Structure formats: structure tokens, C-alpha cells
Amino acid sequence: MNYDFHFFICTNERPPGNPKGCCKSKNSEALIEVFKKEVAAVGKSQKVRVQKSGCLGVCGSGPSLVVYPEGSWYGKIQPSDVQEIVQSHIQEGKPVERFLIPSK
């Protein structure tokens, strides 16, 4: 199936006390369900894929996600941010700048 957007949300888990932390401990799994519900609410379920991923390597910015095909990296996303991201990124084609992780 061809998707317009593919959201990969990090759900990596590290042991408690790991200095890098992990996205799972920052409630990233809840983001998956919130994104799926919001994508469905705007009628884009057939064109947008939302799924979990392993470590994306930006642990300090977690919970993190990457959106393809353009490769936009988002960090410190909370469930309350999802509606704005879906509206701006999916509906309007504009990434939400304040959540973007700067390129390395």
C-alpha cells in the first residue's frame, strides 16, 4: 500500500536508571494510539501509516518520531500535541517547527 505519510514512533525501552533514558518511559506508546485516532478523525487512515519503531537514536529528545517520506524528526511530543501535528503536517503539508529536532 502507498502512504502519503509514514510516522515511526520510538518505543524503545532501556533499563531504569540508564543515563540516555528511553522513549517508552516518556509515554511514547500512548502516542501511537492518539496519532491513529487523530488520523482516523481527519479521514486519512488509508493514506497515513502510524507505527512503533525501535530506537531512533535521539534519546534526549524523546519521545521522538520521524515522518517519511520527507524525513521530518519530531521530539518531546506529548499526546496534547498530536492534533496540531496532524492538522499542520498531514492536512496542510507543513511540519510543526517548534517540535522539529535540528539536523545533526
N, C-alpha and C. Protein backbone atom coordinates (compact mmCIF):
# COMPACT_ATOMS: atom_id res chain seq x y z
N MET A 1 0.84 -1.18 0.00
CA MET A 1 0.00 0.00 0.00
C MET A 1 0.88 1.24 0.00
N ASN A 2 0.48 2.23 -0.74
CA ASN A 2 1.20 3.50 -0.79
C ASN A 2 0.60 4.49 0.20
N TYR A 3 1.46 5.05 1.02
CA TYR A 3 1.04 6.04 2.01
C TYR A 3 1.61 7.40 1.65
N ASP A 4 0.85 8.44 1.97
CA ASP A 4 1.36 9.79 1.80
C ASP A 4 2.37 10.11 2.89
N PHE A 5 2.12 9.61 4.10
CA PHE A 5 3.00 9.83 5.25
C PHE A 5 3.13 8.53 6.03
N HIS A 6 4.32 8.34 6.59
CA HIS A 6 4.58 7.18 7.43
C HIS A 6 5.24 7.69 8.71
N PHE A 7 4.54 7.56 9.83
CA PHE A 7 5.03 8.01 11.14
C PHE A 7 5.63 6.82 11.88
N PHE A 8 6.90 6.93 12.25
CA PHE A 8 7.56 5.92 13.07
C PHE A 8 7.78 6.54 14.45
N ILE A 9 7.16 5.96 15.47
CA ILE A 9 7.24 6.49 16.83
C ILE A 9 8.10 5.55 17.66
N CYS A 10 9.16 6.10 18.25
CA CYS A 10 10.09 5.30 19.04
C CYS A 10 9.40 4.77 20.30
N THR A 11 9.52 3.47 20.51
CA THR A 11 9.01 2.86 21.75
C THR A 11 10.12 2.06 22.43
N ASN A 12 11.36 2.44 22.16
CA ASN A 12 12.50 1.74 22.74
C ASN A 12 12.46 1.83 24.27
N GLU A 13 12.86 0.72 24.91
CA GLU A 13 12.88 0.67 26.37
C GLU A 13 14.28 0.30 26.84
N ARG A 14 14.80 1.08 27.76
CA ARG A 14 16.08 0.80 28.40
C ARG A 14 15.82 0.52 29.88
N PRO A 15 16.79 -0.11 30.55
CA PRO A 15 16.62 -0.36 31.99
C PRO A 15 16.49 0.95 32.77
N PRO A 16 15.74 0.92 33.86
CA PRO A 16 15.63 2.12 34.70
C PRO A 16 17.02 2.61 35.11
N GLY A 17 17.19 3.91 35.11
CA GLY A 17 18.46 4.50 35.50
C GLY A 17 19.46 4.66 34.38
N ASN A 18 19.15 4.17 33.19
CA ASN A 18 20.07 4.34 32.06
C ASN A 18 20.21 5.84 31.79
N PRO A 19 21.44 6.34 31.68
CA PRO A 19 21.62 7.78 31.51
C PRO A 19 21.02 8.36 30.23
N LYS A 20 20.85 7.53 29.20
CA LYS A 20 20.24 8.02 27.96
C LYS A 20 18.73 8.15 28.09
N GLY A 21 18.13 7.44 29.05
CA GLY A 21 16.68 7.42 29.14
C GLY A 21 16.11 6.62 27.99
N CYS A 22 14.80 6.66 27.85
CA CYS A 22 14.18 5.98 26.72
C CYS A 22 12.80 6.57 26.45
N CYS A 23 12.37 6.43 25.22
CA CYS A 23 11.08 6.99 24.82
C CYS A 23 9.91 6.27 25.48
N LYS A 24 10.04 4.97 25.68
CA LYS A 24 8.93 4.23 26.28
C LYS A 24 8.60 4.77 27.67
N SER A 25 9.62 5.11 28.45
CA SER A 25 9.37 5.64 29.79
C SER A 25 8.77 7.05 29.75
N LYS A 26 8.79 7.66 28.57
CA LYS A 26 8.21 9.00 28.39
C LYS A 26 6.85 8.92 27.72
N ASN A 27 6.21 7.75 27.82
CA ASN A 27 4.83 7.55 27.36
C ASN A 27 4.67 7.53 25.83
N SER A 28 5.68 7.05 25.13
CA SER A 28 5.59 7.05 23.67
C SER A 28 4.56 6.08 23.13
N GLU A 29 4.31 4.98 23.84
CA GLU A 29 3.31 4.03 23.33
C GLU A 29 1.92 4.65 23.28
N ALA A 30 1.61 5.54 24.21
CA ALA A 30 0.31 6.22 24.17
C ALA A 30 0.20 7.10 22.93
N LEU A 31 1.32 7.63 22.46
CA LEU A 31 1.29 8.48 21.27
C LEU A 31 0.79 7.73 20.05
N ILE A 32 1.12 6.47 19.95
CA ILE A 32 0.70 5.68 18.79
C ILE A 32 -0.82 5.67 18.68
N GLU A 33 -1.48 5.35 19.77
CA GLU A 33 -2.95 5.30 19.74
C GLU A 33 -3.57 6.66 19.50
N VAL A 34 -3.00 7.70 20.10
CA VAL A 34 -3.53 9.05 19.90
C VAL A 34 -3.36 9.47 18.44
N PHE A 35 -2.19 9.19 17.87
CA PHE A 35 -1.99 9.52 16.45
C PHE A 35 -2.97 8.75 15.57
N LYS A 36 -3.14 7.46 15.82
CA LYS A 36 -4.07 6.67 15.00
C LYS A 36 -5.49 7.22 15.07
N LYS A 37 -5.93 7.58 16.25
CA LYS A 37 -7.28 8.13 16.41
C LYS A 37 -7.43 9.47 15.70
N GLU A 38 -6.42 10.32 15.81
CA GLU A 38 -6.50 11.64 15.18
C GLU A 38 -6.44 11.52 13.66
N VAL A 39 -5.60 10.62 13.16
CA VAL A 39 -5.52 10.40 11.71
C VAL A 39 -6.87 9.89 11.20
N ALA A 40 -7.48 8.99 11.93
CA ALA A 40 -8.81 8.48 11.53
C ALA A 40 -9.86 9.60 11.59
N ALA A 41 -9.75 10.46 12.58
CA ALA A 41 -10.74 11.54 12.74
C ALA A 41 -10.72 12.52 11.57
N VAL A 42 -9.57 12.66 10.91
CA VAL A 42 -9.49 13.56 9.75
C VAL A 42 -9.63 12.79 8.44
N GLY A 43 -9.99 11.51 8.53
CA GLY A 43 -10.26 10.71 7.34
C GLY A 43 -9.05 10.32 6.53
N LYS A 44 -7.90 10.17 7.18
CA LYS A 44 -6.67 9.86 6.45
C LYS A 44 -6.10 8.48 6.75
N SER A 45 -6.87 7.61 7.37
CA SER A 45 -6.36 6.29 7.76
C SER A 45 -5.79 5.49 6.60
N GLN A 46 -6.32 5.67 5.41
CA GLN A 46 -5.84 4.91 4.26
C GLN A 46 -4.58 5.51 3.65
N LYS A 47 -4.24 6.74 4.02
CA LYS A 47 -3.09 7.43 3.43
C LYS A 47 -1.96 7.72 4.41
N VAL A 48 -2.19 7.43 5.70
CA VAL A 48 -1.17 7.70 6.71
C VAL A 48 -0.98 6.45 7.55
N ARG A 49 0.25 6.00 7.65
CA ARG A 49 0.58 4.83 8.47
C ARG A 49 1.28 5.32 9.73
N VAL A 50 0.81 4.86 10.88
CA VAL A 50 1.41 5.18 12.17
C VAL A 50 1.81 3.87 12.81
N GLN A 51 3.09 3.77 13.21
CA GLN A 51 3.54 2.53 13.82
C GLN A 51 4.69 2.80 14.76
N LYS A 52 4.94 1.81 15.63
CA LYS A 52 6.05 1.94 16.56
C LYS A 52 7.35 1.56 15.87
N SER A 53 8.44 2.04 16.45
CA SER A 53 9.76 1.69 15.94
C SER A 53 10.68 1.43 17.12
N GLY A 54 11.83 0.89 16.80
CA GLY A 54 12.88 0.76 17.80
C GLY A 54 13.55 2.10 17.98
N CYS A 55 14.70 2.09 18.61
CA CYS A 55 15.42 3.32 18.93
C CYS A 55 15.72 4.13 17.67
N LEU A 56 15.42 5.42 17.74
CA LEU A 56 15.71 6.33 16.64
C LEU A 56 17.01 7.10 16.88
N GLY A 57 17.62 6.90 18.05
CA GLY A 57 18.92 7.49 18.31
C GLY A 57 18.93 8.94 18.78
N VAL A 58 17.77 9.46 19.13
CA VAL A 58 17.69 10.84 19.64
C VAL A 58 17.03 10.81 21.02
N CYS A 59 17.59 9.99 21.89
CA CYS A 59 17.00 9.70 23.19
C CYS A 59 16.74 10.94 24.04
N GLY A 60 17.62 11.90 23.98
CA GLY A 60 17.45 13.11 24.76
C GLY A 60 16.29 13.97 24.31
N SER A 61 15.78 13.70 23.13
CA SER A 61 14.65 14.46 22.59
C SER A 61 13.35 13.68 22.67
N GLY A 62 13.35 12.56 23.39
CA GLY A 62 12.17 11.71 23.43
C GLY A 62 11.02 12.27 24.24
N PRO A 63 9.82 11.78 23.98
CA PRO A 63 9.54 10.80 22.95
C PRO A 63 9.71 11.40 21.55
N SER A 64 10.27 10.60 20.67
CA SER A 64 10.59 11.09 19.34
C SER A 64 9.89 10.27 18.26
N LEU A 65 9.82 10.89 17.08
CA LEU A 65 9.25 10.21 15.92
C LEU A 65 9.84 10.81 14.67
N VAL A 66 9.79 10.04 13.60
CA VAL A 66 10.24 10.52 12.30
C VAL A 66 9.11 10.29 11.30
N VAL A 67 8.95 11.24 10.39
CA VAL A 67 7.89 11.18 9.39
C VAL A 67 8.54 11.08 8.01
N TYR A 68 8.14 10.06 7.28
CA TYR A 68 8.59 9.89 5.91
C TYR A 68 7.43 10.10 4.96
N PRO A 69 7.65 10.60 3.74
CA PRO A 69 8.89 10.46 3.01
C PRO A 69 9.91 11.59 3.23
N GLU A 70 9.55 12.71 3.80
CA GLU A 70 10.48 13.84 3.84
C GLU A 70 11.53 13.74 4.94
N GLY A 71 11.33 12.90 5.94
CA GLY A 71 12.32 12.73 6.99
C GLY A 71 12.29 13.83 8.04
N SER A 72 11.12 14.28 8.42
CA SER A 72 10.98 15.27 9.50
C SER A 72 11.08 14.54 10.84
N TRP A 73 11.94 15.04 11.71
CA TRP A 73 12.16 14.44 13.02
C TRP A 73 11.53 15.33 14.08
N TYR A 74 10.66 14.73 14.89
CA TYR A 74 9.99 15.45 15.97
C TYR A 74 10.46 14.93 17.32
N GLY A 75 10.54 15.83 18.30
CA GLY A 75 10.93 15.43 19.63
C GLY A 75 10.10 16.07 20.71
N LYS A 76 10.13 15.42 21.88
CA LYS A 76 9.40 15.88 23.07
C LYS A 76 7.90 16.02 22.80
N ILE A 77 7.34 15.07 22.05
CA ILE A 77 5.93 15.09 21.68
C ILE A 77 5.08 14.52 22.81
N GLN A 78 4.00 15.19 23.09
CA GLN A 78 3.04 14.75 24.10
C GLN A 78 1.69 14.49 23.41
N PRO A 79 0.84 13.68 24.01
CA PRO A 79 -0.47 13.44 23.39
C PRO A 79 -1.24 14.73 23.06
N SER A 80 -1.07 15.75 23.86
CA SER A 80 -1.76 17.02 23.61
C SER A 80 -1.24 17.74 22.36
N ASP A 81 -0.11 17.32 21.81
CA ASP A 81 0.48 17.94 20.62
C ASP A 81 0.03 17.28 19.32
N VAL A 82 -0.55 16.11 19.42
CA VAL A 82 -0.84 15.30 18.24
C VAL A 82 -1.83 15.98 17.30
N GLN A 83 -2.89 16.55 17.81
CA GLN A 83 -3.87 17.19 16.93
C GLN A 83 -3.23 18.28 16.09
N GLU A 84 -2.37 19.08 16.69
CA GLU A 84 -1.68 20.15 15.96
C GLU A 84 -0.78 19.57 14.87
N ILE A 85 -0.06 18.50 15.18
CA ILE A 85 0.83 17.89 14.20
C ILE A 85 0.04 17.31 13.04
N VAL A 86 -1.04 16.62 13.33
CA VAL A 86 -1.87 16.04 12.27
C VAL A 86 -2.46 17.15 11.40
N GLN A 87 -2.97 18.18 12.01
CA GLN A 87 -3.57 19.28 11.25
C GLN A 87 -2.52 19.96 10.36
N SER A 88 -1.41 20.34 10.95
CA SER A 88 -0.41 21.09 10.20
C SER A 88 0.37 20.21 9.22
N HIS A 89 0.89 19.09 9.69
CA HIS A 89 1.77 18.27 8.85
C HIS A 89 1.00 17.48 7.80
N ILE A 90 -0.06 16.83 8.22
CA ILE A 90 -0.81 15.97 7.29
C ILE A 90 -1.81 16.78 6.46
N GLN A 91 -2.60 17.58 7.11
CA GLN A 91 -3.65 18.32 6.40
C GLN A 91 -3.09 19.48 5.57
N GLU A 92 -2.10 20.20 6.11
CA GLU A 92 -1.60 21.40 5.44
C GLU A 92 -0.22 21.22 4.80
N GLY A 93 0.43 20.09 5.08
CA GLY A 93 1.74 19.84 4.50
C GLY A 93 2.87 20.64 5.10
N LYS A 94 2.68 21.16 6.32
CA LYS A 94 3.71 21.98 6.97
C LYS A 94 4.10 21.36 8.31
N PRO A 95 5.36 20.92 8.44
CA PRO A 95 5.80 20.41 9.74
C PRO A 95 5.67 21.48 10.82
N VAL A 96 5.46 21.05 12.04
CA VAL A 96 5.34 21.98 13.17
C VAL A 96 6.76 22.28 13.65
N GLU A 97 7.25 23.46 13.31
CA GLU A 97 8.64 23.84 13.54
C GLU A 97 9.09 23.69 14.99
N ARG A 98 8.26 24.05 15.94
CA ARG A 98 8.70 24.07 17.34
C ARG A 98 8.97 22.67 17.90
N PHE A 99 8.52 21.63 17.23
CA PHE A 99 8.79 20.27 17.68
C PHE A 99 9.89 19.58 16.89
N LEU A 100 10.37 20.22 15.83
CA LEU A 100 11.38 19.59 14.98
C LEU A 100 12.72 19.49 15.70
N ILE A 101 13.36 18.34 15.55
CA ILE A 101 14.70 18.14 16.10
C ILE A 101 15.68 18.67 15.05
N PRO A 102 16.56 19.58 15.45
CA PRO A 102 17.53 20.13 14.47
C PRO A 102 18.40 19.04 13.88
N SER A 103 18.78 19.21 12.63
CA SER A 103 19.66 18.26 11.95
C SER A 103 21.01 18.24 12.64
N LYS A 104 21.62 17.09 12.62
CA LYS A 104 22.94 16.94 13.26
C LYS A 104 24.02 17.49 12.38
